[in-house]
Structure formats: C-alpha cells, structure tokens
Amino acid sequence: MPKAKCQKCGIGVPLQLLSEHLKSCPPLETPSESTVVNLDGDEPTEKESPLQQCPVCTDMFHSDLIELHASSCGESSSRNEKGHEDTIIEEGLADMPGPSGTTCEVRDGWLTVLDSSKAIYECAKNALDMHEMESPLRLTMDIRQSVADQDMALISFYKRPNVEWARPLECRLEGDTAIGQGVIRFFLSTCMEKLMSGFCINFANSNVTPLFEGEPGHYIPSAAHFLVESDMFLMAGRMVGHSFLHGGPCLSGLSPAVVHVLLGGSPETATVTPEDCPDLDLRGTIQLLEGQSKLSDEERKRVQDLAYAWDLPPLTENNRRWLFEKLLLHSVIGRVTRSIKQLRRGLKETHMWTLLTQRPDTVPLLFPQELAAVNPEVLLQRIVWPEDEDDDCPPQNKCRITGYMRHFILNATPSELTNVLKFWTGWEIVPKSLTVELVDGRHPTAATCYETLRIPYHYKDYLTFKEDLIACSETFHSGFGLI
C-alpha cells in the first residue's frame, strides 16, 4: 500500500489514512517533552502512545501500531470480502439447474454397480441419453436389391468417418412397410451375423468374404491384406460398439488370445492354443514340434521352411519348444496385429471401449466364448399368453394353439428356436416379455416393434402348425410383412 510522510510528525502513513491521521497528529515533540527523567537513575521510558481508530475496520489501536495495522487492513478486508462473495456465488450456483457433481456421479454410476449386466446397460443408456437431442443417424437398405447391394449399404454406413455413434438411430427398409424398433433390431442382428458369416462382396474372387476365420470359440481376424487396407476391421469395431449401445447381440466366439491383445495385453502373455490357428496346414506343421517325437527329413524341412518364412531361426535340439511357441504365436497373433489394431480403433470410437477398460468384469459378457442358445424354459416364462377376454377365439381353439406353441418351443432345435425369436422380435436376444396373439389369418406373422407373434387359430394338427411356423421364421432375412 503506498505511503506518504506526515509533515507534522514525520511518520509515513498510508495514503487512505493520511486525512484521518492529520486530524489527530500531535506536533513533533522535543526529547525533553517526550521523555520523563527517572529520579531513581533508571533508563528513560517512552510515554504510552494514545489509541487511534482505524477508519477501515473501526478498531482501536495504539498510534505506534496503527501504521503496521493499516498496511494490511485494507488488503485483508478485500480478501475477506472476495471470499465472502465467492461463497455467495457458490451457494447461488448450487441452487441453479445444470451440471453438478451429483450429475457426474449419476452418469458414471455404472462404474460402481456390482452387477456386470446392469453396468453394461447403464453405460449404454447414459451414452444414449447424453446425445438423445442430436440429429439422428439414418441407415437405409433396399430389401428388393441383391444381397451384395444390401451388404454394401451396411458397409458404407459404418465406414463414415467422424461419427458420434451414440446419436439416435433411425433405420428404414426400402420396399418394406416395417418401421420402429423392430427394424433397428433387424439391422443390428444382421450386422453381427455378417461379421461372423462374411459379407457377400467379391474382394478376392470369392462370393463371400469373411472377416474372421477359425472355429467357434477360437475365431481370429482374417490375415487378408486387402481387408486391412480397406479398413474393414475399423468398420467391424464400429459395428460391435454400435450394437452394444443399442443392447444388441455381441461378437461371440473370439479366441481368448485375441481378446487379450485387443484390450491392450502383451502378445507374449497371451494364452495361445493350436486350435486358435485357422489354417489347418500351418497348424499341422506347427504341431510337428509338439512333444518329443523324432522328425523325419520331410517334416523337418516343413518346419524349417515355415521358420525361415517368418524370420525365425532354424530348428535345433535345444530350441524345439521355444520355436513351437514362437511359430504358434505368430500364426495366431503376429499375422493379424494390424487387424486387431484396426478393430480396437473402431471400438474406441464408441463408448464400449470406456466400459471395457474401466470394468474388466464385463469383458466375458461383451465377448462371450460362444453364442448363448435360447433357453426354452426362459422363453416360456416370458411369454404373455392370450387371456379369455383378449379376443374372439373360441376357448378350445385357444387351448389347442397355445399347446402347439408350448410343444414346439420345448422340442425345437436351437437353430429353429433362434430363427423363431428373430422372426418374433427382430434379433436373437430374449426380451423381458413377449406376446402371443391368436388371429384369423393364413400364416403366422410378427409385429417386431411390439414383440408380438400373431398365430392363426385355424390349425387342426401339430405338424401343419410346425411346418408353417418354421417356414415363416426362415424368412426373417428378407424383411417383414412379406408373408
């Protein structure tokens, strides 16, 4: 704080206190006046300084201390006032609507949910809620076109760059009257099925191009160079993450070693088995090194040629086990490292990656070893059967048709039951409730948006009922409402 020298007493006083100081400033005293002689011969003592009032805080201080107090009184007051204002502002903001600490905790509540399935649901729901007011993503496919053209529509949609996949999704089947959630389920189920069975696109003189190879539970990304150059695995990661956001099917059957590396694990620590190698010729050559049996000259040459092709040292008596592990690791992970990196990039564009990294306990649910079969007992428990007052169907017909349906569910093969569920709801995931209605018609139909199966009540024998239901359920690939 700037000071000025008082002309009366010669003391430096802060400028804001100078006018008050002049009113009570005593004249400069002489030594004889300012001291009192001690008759006992002791040292002279100073007179006690008078009290003065601080004009800022109105407190009383001795005149010789007022200067020290005044140098900080104004600043401390301003700091106190500022702190008081900050407190008022914070209290006011706490009452205002908008983002707050509580909101963040709600959005990240899936981090602390004990149930892994509920954490998956909460994470996806929070992501969709954050972007529900944004413009929707529109996916259109013409059901009247060839299968190759339909696959190209899916590929083109998921190859779009810089997309927020948590935006609302609108799907439309050109040439079909179906709308709503049933169409979305159909699209997501089709995408996940295409990832495993392959797209009907001629990439390398083949009518069907698979992205994953191997046997169930040991699938690995294809090592085809043209798939990586075409960013097909980036597209695959987006499909998987998009299906997760909307509660759709998972990518099942991947090799545990691939999942380990996909989530950032070191290839050297991945558990690789011979079944993970999709190429049977390579697998047979590598398995020659398994065990301690002596190799023939031809078998040794096969192993040597493969080792040289992959820049590995030749086989010796001391490195047999080591060479076996290196060849197996390269056949499963080394050749598809770029494919795995692309798949990871696609997942990172969706909120699924955050869940996978923050909640490792959800990994077995999001990447199951095998596709869960539809449980007949669970399916029967979730069906809402028609009541007596629901329709005009005679009671005897109602008992007969519902009995046929129960018998079919309990005795159908897993593939038949899965197809019926897809025809019923649009995908292979059993919802919380399904509805059966008995109607006057020729063939079974489904309102997938309402998860309702409409069965005609004219059937008199079980075999005819079963044949028609299976025939209709096998048409889910061609859209809705075409029967």
Protein backbone atom coordinates (compact mmCIF):
# COMPACT_ATOMS: atom_id res chain seq x y z
CA MET A 1 0.00 0.00 0.00
CA PRO A 2 1.58 3.45 -0.94
CA LYS A 3 2.55 5.73 1.91
CA ALA A 4 3.15 9.47 2.40
CA LYS A 5 5.27 11.24 5.05
CA CYS A 6 3.34 13.32 7.53
CA GLN A 7 4.78 16.87 7.63
CA LYS A 8 3.94 17.28 11.35
CA CYS A 9 5.36 14.14 12.87
CA GLY A 10 7.48 12.79 10.01
CA ILE A 11 5.83 9.38 10.15
CA GLY A 12 4.99 7.51 6.92
CA VAL A 13 1.24 6.93 6.79
CA PRO A 14 -0.80 5.02 4.13
CA LEU A 15 -2.49 7.45 1.74
CA GLN A 16 -6.01 6.30 2.55
CA LEU A 17 -5.38 7.02 6.26
CA LEU A 18 -3.48 10.29 5.86
CA SER A 19 -6.52 12.57 6.20
CA GLU A 20 -7.62 10.88 9.43
CA HIS A 21 -4.05 10.90 10.72
CA LEU A 22 -3.74 14.68 10.24
CA LYS A 23 -6.76 15.34 12.44
CA SER A 24 -5.12 13.78 15.48
CA CYS A 25 -1.44 14.14 14.59
CA PRO A 26 0.49 15.72 17.50
CA PRO A 27 3.33 18.18 16.71
CA LEU A 28 6.90 16.89 16.69
CA GLU A 29 7.94 16.61 20.30
CA THR A 30 11.33 17.53 21.72
CA PRO A 31 13.33 14.97 23.64
CA SER A 32 12.71 16.76 26.93
CA GLU A 33 8.98 16.55 26.33
CA SER A 34 8.90 13.05 25.08
CA THR A 35 10.79 11.51 27.96
CA VAL A 36 10.47 11.56 31.71
CA VAL A 37 13.54 11.56 33.89
CA ASN A 38 13.60 8.73 36.36
CA LEU A 39 14.56 10.09 39.72
CA ASP A 40 15.93 6.71 40.71
CA GLY A 41 18.52 6.94 37.90
CA ASP A 42 16.89 4.28 35.66
CA GLU A 43 16.74 4.50 31.83
CA PRO A 44 14.20 6.99 30.48
CA THR A 45 10.89 5.45 29.37
CA GLU A 46 8.66 6.48 26.49
CA LYS A 47 5.22 7.85 27.11
CA GLU A 48 2.37 5.45 26.34
CA SER A 49 1.06 6.18 22.83
CA PRO A 50 -2.58 7.23 22.54
CA LEU A 51 -5.24 4.97 20.94
CA GLN A 52 -6.45 5.71 17.43
CA GLN A 53 -9.37 4.29 15.44
CA CYS A 54 -8.72 2.56 12.14
CA PRO A 55 -11.06 4.21 9.59
CA VAL A 56 -11.31 0.93 7.61
CA CYS A 57 -12.21 -1.62 10.27
CA THR A 58 -13.10 0.94 13.06
CA ASP A 59 -11.00 -0.97 15.60
CA MET A 60 -8.84 0.91 18.13
CA PHE A 61 -5.02 0.61 18.03
CA HIS A 62 -2.07 2.38 19.65
CA SER A 63 -0.72 5.17 17.49
CA ASP A 64 2.63 3.42 17.10
CA LEU A 65 0.86 0.25 15.83
CA ILE A 66 -1.73 1.85 13.60
CA GLU A 67 0.73 2.13 10.72
CA LEU A 68 1.55 -1.57 10.83
CA HIS A 69 -2.12 -2.47 11.01
CA ALA A 70 -3.12 -0.08 8.23
CA SER A 71 -0.61 -1.56 5.82
CA SER A 72 -2.61 -4.81 5.70
CA CYS A 73 -6.06 -3.85 6.93
CA GLY A 74 -7.42 -2.85 3.51
CA GLU A 75 -5.99 -5.88 1.75
CA SER A 76 -7.27 -8.38 4.29
CA SER A 77 -10.66 -6.76 4.17
CA SER A 78 -10.78 -7.03 0.40
CA ARG A 79 -9.71 -10.67 0.60
CA ASN A 80 -12.38 -11.40 3.16
CA GLU A 81 -14.99 -9.65 1.05
CA LYS A 82 -13.85 -11.58 -2.01
CA GLY A 83 -14.01 -14.85 -0.12
CA HIS A 84 -17.46 -13.93 1.11
CA GLU A 85 -18.56 -13.13 -2.44
CA ASP A 86 -17.16 -16.45 -3.69
CA THR A 87 -19.12 -18.24 -1.01
CA ILE A 88 -22.29 -16.46 -2.05
CA ILE A 89 -21.66 -17.27 -5.71
CA GLU A 90 -21.04 -20.94 -4.96
CA GLU A 91 -24.17 -21.13 -2.84
CA GLY A 92 -26.14 -19.50 -5.63
CA LEU A 93 -24.77 -21.86 -8.26
CA ALA A 94 -25.64 -24.84 -6.13
CA ASP A 95 -29.31 -23.86 -6.41
CA MET A 96 -29.19 -23.31 -10.16
CA PRO A 97 -30.10 -26.13 -12.61
CA GLY A 98 -27.32 -27.62 -14.73
CA PRO A 99 -24.29 -29.88 -14.47
CA SER A 100 -23.11 -30.65 -10.99
CA GLY A 101 -21.12 -33.18 -9.05
CA THR A 102 -24.24 -35.23 -8.49
CA THR A 103 -24.92 -35.38 -12.21
CA CYS A 104 -21.44 -36.72 -12.89
CA GLU A 105 -21.90 -39.37 -10.28
CA VAL A 106 -25.17 -40.42 -11.87
CA ARG A 107 -23.58 -40.63 -15.32
CA ASP A 108 -20.68 -42.66 -14.01
CA GLY A 109 -22.86 -44.82 -11.80
CA TRP A 110 -22.10 -47.88 -13.92
CA LEU A 111 -18.57 -47.76 -12.51
CA THR A 112 -19.79 -48.80 -9.07
CA VAL A 113 -22.66 -51.13 -9.99
CA LEU A 114 -21.86 -54.61 -8.73
CA ASP A 115 -23.88 -56.47 -11.36
CA SER A 116 -21.88 -56.58 -14.61
CA SER A 117 -25.00 -56.91 -16.77
CA LYS A 118 -26.54 -53.84 -15.15
CA ALA A 119 -23.29 -51.91 -15.60
CA ILE A 120 -23.40 -52.67 -19.34
CA TYR A 121 -26.99 -51.47 -19.55
CA GLU A 122 -26.34 -48.31 -17.51
CA CYS A 123 -23.24 -47.36 -19.52
CA ALA A 124 -25.05 -47.72 -22.84
CA LYS A 125 -28.12 -45.87 -21.56
CA ASN A 126 -26.05 -42.95 -20.25
CA ALA A 127 -24.25 -42.63 -23.58
CA LEU A 128 -27.54 -42.57 -25.50
CA ASP A 129 -29.09 -40.09 -23.06
CA MET A 130 -26.19 -37.64 -23.50
CA HIS A 131 -26.78 -37.48 -27.27
CA GLU A 132 -30.53 -38.01 -27.49
CA MET A 133 -31.16 -34.42 -28.63
CA GLU A 134 -28.70 -34.57 -31.53
CA SER A 135 -29.64 -35.27 -35.14
CA PRO A 136 -30.25 -38.99 -35.75
CA LEU A 137 -28.13 -41.38 -37.77
CA ARG A 138 -30.12 -42.75 -40.71
CA LEU A 139 -29.45 -46.22 -42.06
CA THR A 140 -31.35 -47.23 -45.19
CA MET A 141 -31.28 -50.51 -47.08
CA ASP A 142 -33.40 -51.62 -50.04
CA ILE A 143 -34.72 -55.09 -49.33
CA ARG A 144 -35.53 -55.51 -53.05
CA GLN A 145 -31.89 -55.28 -54.08
CA SER A 146 -29.38 -58.11 -54.20
CA VAL A 147 -27.68 -59.37 -51.06
CA ALA A 148 -24.40 -57.81 -52.24
CA ASP A 149 -26.06 -54.39 -52.57
CA GLN A 150 -27.59 -54.75 -49.12
CA ASP A 151 -24.18 -55.59 -47.64
CA MET A 152 -22.67 -52.57 -49.38
CA ALA A 153 -25.31 -50.36 -47.74
CA LEU A 154 -24.20 -51.61 -44.30
CA ILE A 155 -20.50 -51.23 -45.13
CA SER A 156 -20.98 -47.69 -46.47
CA PHE A 157 -22.88 -46.66 -43.36
CA TYR A 158 -20.23 -47.89 -40.93
CA LYS A 159 -17.32 -46.57 -42.95
CA ARG A 160 -18.40 -42.98 -42.42
CA PRO A 161 -15.67 -41.08 -40.53
CA ASN A 162 -16.07 -38.76 -37.54
CA VAL A 163 -19.46 -40.05 -36.40
CA GLU A 164 -20.83 -39.98 -32.86
CA TRP A 165 -22.36 -43.45 -32.73
CA ALA A 166 -24.40 -42.68 -29.60
CA ARG A 167 -26.70 -40.40 -31.58
CA PRO A 168 -30.29 -41.61 -32.10
CA LEU A 169 -30.63 -44.28 -34.77
CA GLU A 170 -33.31 -44.43 -37.46
CA CYS A 171 -33.43 -47.47 -39.74
CA ARG A 172 -35.56 -47.94 -42.83
CA LEU A 173 -36.09 -50.90 -45.12
CA GLU A 174 -36.97 -49.70 -48.60
CA GLY A 175 -39.61 -51.96 -50.11
CA ASP A 176 -40.99 -52.98 -46.71
CA THR A 177 -43.67 -51.41 -44.55
CA ALA A 178 -41.96 -52.19 -41.23
CA ILE A 179 -40.80 -49.29 -39.05
CA GLY A 180 -39.64 -48.70 -35.48
CA GLN A 181 -37.51 -50.68 -33.08
CA GLY A 182 -38.07 -53.97 -34.87
CA VAL A 183 -36.19 -52.68 -37.91
CA ILE A 184 -33.32 -51.46 -35.73
CA ARG A 185 -33.07 -54.92 -34.15
CA PHE A 186 -33.08 -56.49 -37.60
CA PHE A 187 -30.22 -54.28 -38.78
CA LEU A 188 -28.04 -54.83 -35.71
CA SER A 189 -28.63 -58.58 -35.77
CA THR A 190 -27.76 -58.66 -39.47
CA CYS A 191 -24.53 -56.73 -38.87
CA MET A 192 -23.30 -59.09 -36.17
CA GLU A 193 -24.24 -62.11 -38.24
CA LYS A 194 -22.37 -60.73 -41.26
CA LEU A 195 -19.24 -60.22 -39.17
CA MET A 196 -19.11 -63.93 -38.45
CA SER A 197 -20.51 -65.41 -41.67
CA GLY A 198 -18.99 -62.91 -44.11
CA PHE A 199 -20.16 -60.19 -46.48
CA CYS A 200 -21.39 -61.06 -49.95
CA ILE A 201 -18.73 -58.96 -51.67
CA ASN A 202 -16.22 -60.21 -54.21
CA PHE A 203 -12.96 -58.98 -52.69
CA ALA A 204 -10.71 -61.84 -53.82
CA ASN A 205 -12.52 -63.98 -56.38
CA SER A 206 -14.96 -65.21 -53.74
CA ASN A 207 -18.68 -64.60 -53.42
CA VAL A 208 -18.44 -64.35 -49.62
CA THR A 209 -15.64 -62.54 -47.78
CA PRO A 210 -15.34 -63.46 -44.08
CA LEU A 211 -13.70 -61.05 -41.64
CA PHE A 212 -13.00 -63.74 -39.03
CA GLU A 213 -11.64 -67.23 -39.50
CA GLY A 214 -11.43 -70.38 -37.45
CA GLU A 215 -13.78 -72.45 -35.35
CA PRO A 216 -16.27 -71.24 -32.71
CA GLY A 217 -14.50 -70.13 -29.56
CA HIS A 218 -11.24 -69.67 -31.49
CA TYR A 219 -12.11 -67.06 -34.13
CA ILE A 220 -9.31 -64.68 -35.10
CA PRO A 221 -9.34 -61.75 -37.57
CA SER A 222 -8.55 -62.62 -41.15
CA ALA A 223 -4.95 -62.09 -42.21
CA ALA A 224 -6.03 -60.94 -45.69
CA HIS A 225 -4.06 -57.82 -46.59
CA PHE A 226 -6.82 -56.26 -48.68
CA LEU A 227 -9.24 -56.28 -45.72
CA VAL A 228 -6.85 -54.21 -43.63
CA GLU A 229 -6.17 -51.82 -46.49
CA SER A 230 -9.93 -51.38 -46.93
CA ASP A 231 -10.42 -50.53 -43.20
CA MET A 232 -12.87 -53.41 -42.84
CA PHE A 233 -11.85 -54.11 -39.26
CA LEU A 234 -12.27 -50.46 -38.34
CA MET A 235 -15.80 -50.85 -39.66
CA ALA A 236 -16.20 -54.07 -37.66
CA GLY A 237 -15.22 -52.32 -34.41
CA ARG A 238 -17.83 -49.64 -35.05
CA MET A 239 -20.48 -52.29 -35.69
CA VAL A 240 -19.68 -54.09 -32.44
CA GLY A 241 -19.74 -50.86 -30.42
CA HIS A 242 -22.93 -49.65 -32.08
CA SER A 243 -24.69 -52.93 -31.31
CA PHE A 244 -23.57 -52.59 -27.68
CA LEU A 245 -25.06 -49.10 -27.40
CA HIS A 246 -28.48 -50.33 -28.51
CA GLY A 247 -28.44 -53.53 -26.46
CA GLY A 248 -27.85 -55.73 -29.48
CA PRO A 249 -26.01 -59.03 -29.99
CA CYS A 250 -22.34 -59.37 -29.03
CA LEU A 251 -19.37 -60.53 -31.05
CA SER A 252 -19.06 -64.07 -29.75
CA GLY A 253 -16.59 -66.87 -30.27
CA LEU A 254 -13.35 -64.85 -30.42
CA SER A 255 -10.15 -66.53 -29.31
CA PRO A 256 -9.22 -65.56 -25.72
CA ALA A 257 -5.75 -64.66 -27.02
CA VAL A 258 -7.24 -62.17 -29.49
CA VAL A 259 -9.43 -60.61 -26.79
CA HIS A 260 -6.38 -60.34 -24.52
CA VAL A 261 -4.34 -58.45 -27.13
CA LEU A 262 -7.36 -56.42 -28.28
CA LEU A 263 -7.73 -54.96 -24.79
CA GLY A 264 -4.08 -53.94 -24.60
CA GLY A 265 -2.44 -57.09 -23.28
CA SER A 266 1.02 -58.10 -24.43
CA PRO A 267 1.14 -60.78 -27.15
CA GLU A 268 3.87 -62.53 -25.20
CA THR A 269 1.49 -63.11 -22.29
CA ALA A 270 -1.44 -64.30 -24.42
CA THR A 271 -2.53 -67.92 -23.98
CA VAL A 272 -2.45 -69.39 -27.49
CA THR A 273 -3.57 -72.91 -28.39
CA PRO A 274 -3.21 -74.85 -31.67
CA GLU A 275 -6.99 -74.61 -32.13
CA ASP A 276 -6.58 -70.81 -32.48
CA CYS A 277 -4.71 -71.30 -35.76
CA PRO A 278 -7.39 -71.33 -38.50
CA ASP A 279 -5.08 -72.59 -41.27
CA LEU A 280 -5.04 -76.37 -40.93
CA ASP A 281 -1.83 -76.72 -42.96
CA LEU A 282 0.01 -74.28 -40.72
CA ARG A 283 -1.46 -75.91 -37.63
CA GLY A 284 -0.27 -79.34 -38.78
CA THR A 285 3.24 -78.08 -39.42
CA ILE A 286 3.50 -76.32 -36.08
CA GLN A 287 2.14 -79.31 -34.19
CA LEU A 288 5.03 -81.39 -35.51
CA LEU A 289 7.14 -79.64 -32.87
CA GLU A 290 4.77 -80.62 -30.09
CA GLY A 291 6.11 -83.45 -27.99
CA GLN A 292 9.48 -85.16 -28.28
CA SER A 293 8.99 -87.49 -31.25
CA LYS A 294 11.78 -87.51 -33.80
CA LEU A 295 11.01 -85.67 -37.05
CA SER A 296 11.60 -87.13 -40.46
CA ASP A 297 13.61 -85.23 -43.02
CA GLU A 298 10.46 -84.11 -44.80
CA GLU A 299 8.83 -82.92 -41.56
CA ARG A 300 11.98 -81.09 -40.53
CA LYS A 301 12.06 -79.37 -43.92
CA ARG A 302 8.44 -78.23 -43.49
CA VAL A 303 9.29 -76.72 -40.12
CA GLN A 304 12.47 -75.09 -41.41
CA ASP A 305 10.69 -73.53 -44.40
CA LEU A 306 7.99 -72.08 -42.16
CA ALA A 307 10.55 -70.71 -39.69
CA TYR A 308 12.56 -69.06 -42.46
CA ALA A 309 9.39 -67.56 -43.97
CA TRP A 310 8.65 -65.86 -40.64
CA ASP A 311 12.25 -64.76 -39.94
CA LEU A 312 12.82 -67.27 -37.15
CA PRO A 313 15.99 -69.27 -36.53
CA PRO A 314 16.26 -72.90 -37.73
CA LEU A 315 15.24 -75.85 -35.62
CA THR A 316 17.86 -77.26 -33.26
CA GLU A 317 17.86 -79.78 -30.46
CA ASN A 318 17.69 -77.04 -27.83
CA ASN A 319 15.08 -74.65 -29.24
CA ARG A 320 12.29 -77.05 -30.21
CA ARG A 321 9.80 -75.92 -27.55
CA TRP A 322 10.73 -72.27 -27.98
CA LEU A 323 10.29 -72.48 -31.76
CA PHE A 324 6.92 -74.20 -31.33
CA GLU A 325 5.64 -71.35 -29.15
CA LYS A 326 7.01 -68.64 -31.48
CA LEU A 327 5.51 -70.22 -34.59
CA LEU A 328 2.15 -70.69 -32.88
CA LEU A 329 2.13 -67.13 -31.54
CA HIS A 330 2.95 -65.67 -34.95
CA SER A 331 0.32 -67.77 -36.73
CA VAL A 332 -2.40 -66.58 -34.35
CA ILE A 333 -1.38 -63.04 -33.31
CA GLY A 334 1.64 -61.91 -35.32
CA ARG A 335 -0.02 -62.14 -38.73
CA VAL A 336 -3.16 -60.26 -37.63
CA THR A 337 -1.66 -57.50 -35.47
CA ARG A 338 -2.82 -54.76 -37.87
CA SER A 339 -6.31 -56.24 -37.98
CA ILE A 340 -6.53 -56.24 -34.18
CA LYS A 341 -5.32 -52.63 -34.02
CA GLN A 342 -7.99 -51.57 -36.51
CA LEU A 343 -10.67 -53.40 -34.54
CA ARG A 344 -9.50 -51.58 -31.40
CA ARG A 345 -9.69 -48.22 -33.18
CA GLY A 346 -13.28 -48.92 -34.13
CA LEU A 347 -14.20 -49.80 -30.55
CA LYS A 348 -12.54 -46.62 -29.28
CA GLU A 349 -14.93 -44.56 -31.40
CA THR A 350 -17.81 -45.89 -29.30
CA HIS A 351 -18.47 -45.81 -25.57
CA MET A 352 -17.92 -49.55 -25.39
CA TRP A 353 -14.16 -49.07 -25.11
CA THR A 354 -14.57 -46.98 -21.95
CA LEU A 355 -16.63 -49.74 -20.38
CA LEU A 356 -14.14 -52.44 -21.36
CA THR A 357 -11.20 -50.58 -19.84
CA GLN A 358 -12.97 -49.32 -16.71
CA ARG A 359 -14.91 -52.51 -15.96
CA PRO A 360 -12.85 -55.59 -16.93
CA ASP A 361 -15.51 -57.82 -15.37
CA THR A 362 -17.81 -57.03 -18.32
CA VAL A 363 -15.40 -58.47 -20.91
CA PRO A 364 -16.74 -62.06 -20.71
CA LEU A 365 -20.26 -60.73 -21.29
CA LEU A 366 -19.35 -58.45 -24.19
CA PHE A 367 -17.07 -61.03 -25.85
CA PRO A 368 -18.60 -64.39 -24.88
CA GLN A 369 -16.83 -67.57 -25.93
CA GLU A 370 -19.96 -68.90 -27.59
CA LEU A 371 -23.33 -67.53 -28.57
CA ALA A 372 -25.79 -68.32 -25.81
CA ALA A 373 -28.52 -70.63 -27.03
CA VAL A 374 -32.14 -69.64 -26.47
CA ASN A 375 -33.32 -71.35 -23.31
CA PRO A 376 -36.80 -72.87 -23.90
CA GLU A 377 -37.79 -72.61 -20.23
CA VAL A 378 -36.81 -68.93 -20.03
CA LEU A 379 -38.67 -68.23 -23.27
CA LEU A 380 -41.86 -69.85 -21.95
CA GLN A 381 -41.64 -67.88 -18.71
CA ARG A 382 -41.52 -64.57 -20.57
CA ILE A 383 -44.42 -65.20 -22.95
CA VAL A 384 -47.66 -63.35 -22.25
CA TRP A 385 -50.34 -65.75 -23.44
CA PRO A 386 -53.77 -64.58 -24.62
CA GLU A 387 -56.43 -64.25 -21.96
CA ASP A 388 -60.01 -65.36 -22.32
CA GLU A 389 -61.27 -61.81 -22.87
CA ASP A 390 -58.45 -60.76 -25.22
CA ASP A 391 -60.05 -61.94 -28.48
CA ASP A 392 -62.99 -63.73 -30.03
CA CYS A 393 -61.14 -67.03 -30.46
CA PRO A 394 -63.12 -69.99 -29.07
CA PRO A 395 -61.62 -71.40 -25.88
CA GLN A 396 -61.00 -74.84 -27.39
CA ASN A 397 -59.05 -73.33 -30.29
CA LYS A 398 -57.07 -71.19 -27.85
CA CYS A 399 -56.07 -74.17 -25.76
CA ARG A 400 -55.11 -76.17 -28.85
CA ILE A 401 -52.91 -73.48 -30.47
CA THR A 402 -51.16 -72.43 -27.27
CA GLY A 403 -50.48 -76.11 -26.59
CA TYR A 404 -48.92 -76.45 -30.05
CA MET A 405 -46.72 -73.41 -29.36
CA ARG A 406 -45.52 -74.72 -25.99
CA HIS A 407 -44.73 -78.12 -27.50
CA PHE A 408 -42.80 -76.51 -30.36
CA ILE A 409 -40.66 -74.35 -28.01
CA LEU A 410 -39.78 -77.31 -25.78
CA ASN A 411 -38.81 -79.61 -28.69
CA ALA A 412 -37.36 -77.26 -31.32
CA THR A 413 -33.68 -77.34 -32.22
CA PRO A 414 -31.51 -74.38 -31.11
CA SER A 415 -31.35 -73.02 -34.68
CA GLU A 416 -35.13 -73.30 -35.12
CA LEU A 417 -35.74 -71.54 -31.83
CA THR A 418 -33.28 -68.78 -32.72
CA ASN A 419 -34.94 -68.22 -36.09
CA VAL A 420 -38.38 -68.02 -34.49
CA LEU A 421 -37.06 -65.47 -31.97
CA LYS A 422 -35.55 -63.37 -34.77
CA PHE A 423 -38.83 -63.54 -36.68
CA TRP A 424 -40.67 -62.61 -33.48
CA THR A 425 -38.54 -59.72 -32.18
CA GLY A 426 -36.01 -58.85 -34.92
CA TRP A 427 -32.95 -60.37 -33.21
CA GLU A 428 -31.86 -63.37 -31.14
CA ILE A 429 -31.97 -61.69 -27.71
CA VAL A 430 -34.84 -62.78 -25.45
CA PRO A 431 -36.67 -59.64 -24.22
CA LYS A 432 -38.28 -59.24 -20.82
CA SER A 433 -41.70 -60.15 -22.22
CA LEU A 434 -43.12 -61.50 -25.46
CA THR A 435 -46.74 -61.56 -26.53
CA VAL A 436 -48.73 -64.22 -28.39
CA GLU A 437 -51.98 -63.26 -30.11
CA LEU A 438 -54.44 -65.58 -31.85
CA VAL A 439 -55.89 -64.10 -35.02
CA ASP A 440 -57.91 -65.04 -38.06
CA GLY A 441 -55.36 -65.45 -40.88
CA ARG A 442 -53.41 -67.86 -43.07
CA HIS A 443 -49.83 -67.78 -41.74
CA PRO A 444 -48.03 -66.66 -38.58
CA THR A 445 -46.94 -63.01 -38.64
CA ALA A 446 -45.00 -60.82 -36.23
CA ALA A 447 -45.09 -57.21 -35.04
CA THR A 448 -41.42 -56.97 -34.11
CA CYS A 449 -41.71 -53.45 -32.71
CA TYR A 450 -44.21 -54.72 -30.12
CA GLU A 451 -42.52 -58.14 -29.79
CA THR A 452 -45.81 -59.79 -30.68
CA LEU A 453 -46.34 -63.06 -32.57
CA ARG A 454 -49.73 -63.44 -34.26
CA ILE A 455 -50.75 -67.05 -34.86
CA PRO A 456 -53.86 -68.07 -36.83
CA TYR A 457 -56.21 -70.33 -34.89
CA HIS A 458 -57.29 -72.47 -37.85
CA TYR A 459 -54.65 -75.18 -37.31
CA LYS A 460 -56.07 -78.62 -36.53
CA ASP A 461 -52.84 -80.66 -36.30
CA TYR A 462 -49.40 -80.01 -34.87
CA LEU A 463 -47.33 -80.94 -37.94
CA THR A 464 -49.01 -78.34 -40.16
CA PHE A 465 -48.58 -75.73 -37.42
CA LYS A 466 -44.86 -76.57 -37.06
CA GLU A 467 -44.18 -76.52 -40.82
CA ASP A 468 -45.81 -73.11 -41.27
CA LEU A 469 -44.08 -71.60 -38.24
CA ILE A 470 -40.64 -72.83 -39.36
CA ALA A 471 -41.25 -71.68 -42.94
CA CYS A 472 -42.25 -68.20 -41.80
CA SER A 473 -39.39 -67.91 -39.31
CA GLU A 474 -36.83 -68.66 -42.03
CA THR A 475 -37.92 -65.56 -43.97
CA PHE A 476 -36.60 -63.03 -41.43
CA HIS A 477 -33.61 -62.39 -43.72
CA SER A 478 -35.92 -60.95 -46.36
CA GLY A 479 -37.63 -58.35 -44.19
CA PHE A 480 -41.01 -58.09 -42.56
CA GLY A 481 -44.59 -58.33 -43.69
CA LEU A 482 -43.80 -60.24 -46.87
CA ILE A 483 -45.62 -63.45 -45.85
